[in-house]
Amino acid sequence: MWERHIRDGVFHSAVDPVLEAGLCTVWWDDRTSAGGIFVTGGGIAEFVRPTSATAGPG
């Protein structure tokens, strides 16, 4: 994961060459989902992580 510092804050980027296209879960920790994102093959996907974990299982 790469960290980029810009005027509006810090952004993180990652490249995963083995990630399959489809709906992916972004995890807050090992038990809690932070949300989902749809990944397309060869495309760029963007996810805005919430500021805190949501209650309940993911």
Protein backbone atom coordinates (compact mmCIF):
# COMPACT_ATOMS: atom_id res chain seq x y z
CA MET A 1 0.00 0.00 0.00
CA TRP A 2 1.27 3.47 -0.90
CA GLU A 3 0.54 6.61 1.08
CA ARG A 4 0.18 9.94 -0.76
CA HIS A 5 0.11 13.25 1.10
CA ILE A 6 -1.85 15.91 -0.73
CA ARG A 7 -3.40 19.23 0.22
CA ASP A 8 -6.72 17.62 1.25
CA GLY A 9 -5.15 14.89 3.40
CA VAL A 10 -3.62 11.46 2.97
CA PHE A 11 -4.69 8.96 0.34
CA HIS A 12 -3.71 5.30 0.13
CA SER A 13 -3.33 3.28 -3.05
CA ALA A 14 -2.86 -0.42 -3.62
CA VAL A 15 -2.36 -2.70 -6.60
CA ASP A 16 -3.39 -6.34 -6.32
CA PRO A 17 -2.60 -8.29 -9.50
CA VAL A 18 -4.49 -11.40 -8.33
CA LEU A 19 -7.70 -9.69 -7.17
CA GLU A 20 -10.61 -11.05 -9.20
CA ALA A 21 -13.27 -8.80 -10.72
CA GLY A 22 -16.54 -8.58 -8.79
CA LEU A 23 -17.91 -7.35 -5.49
CA CYS A 24 -15.21 -7.14 -2.81
CA THR A 25 -15.52 -6.47 0.90
CA VAL A 26 -13.23 -3.87 2.46
CA TRP A 27 -12.53 -4.88 6.05
CA TRP A 28 -12.20 -2.51 8.99
CA ASP A 29 -10.59 -5.27 11.03
CA ASP A 30 -10.66 -9.07 10.95
CA ARG A 31 -14.39 -9.17 11.86
CA THR A 32 -15.99 -5.90 10.77
CA SER A 33 -16.79 -4.83 7.22
CA ALA A 34 -16.11 -1.20 6.32
CA GLY A 35 -18.17 -1.62 3.14
CA GLY A 36 -18.09 -3.08 -0.32
CA ILE A 37 -16.71 -2.08 -3.68
CA PHE A 38 -17.16 -3.44 -7.19
CA VAL A 39 -13.85 -4.13 -8.94
CA THR A 40 -13.62 -4.51 -12.72
CA GLY A 41 -10.75 -6.25 -14.48
CA GLY A 42 -7.97 -3.82 -15.33
CA GLY A 43 -9.92 -0.90 -13.91
CA ILE A 44 -9.53 1.55 -11.08
CA ALA A 45 -11.83 1.30 -8.08
CA GLU A 46 -12.17 3.92 -5.36
CA PHE A 47 -13.35 3.41 -1.80
CA VAL A 48 -13.78 6.08 0.86
CA ARG A 49 -13.20 4.40 4.19
CA PRO A 50 -15.58 5.55 6.93
CA THR A 51 -14.08 7.39 9.88
CA SER A 52 -15.15 4.65 12.30
CA ALA A 53 -16.25 1.02 12.18
CA THR A 54 -19.95 0.34 11.76
CA ALA A 55 -21.78 -1.74 14.33
CA GLY A 56 -22.63 -5.35 13.54
CA PRO A 57 -21.14 -8.04 11.34
CA GLY A 58 -20.05 -7.30 7.76
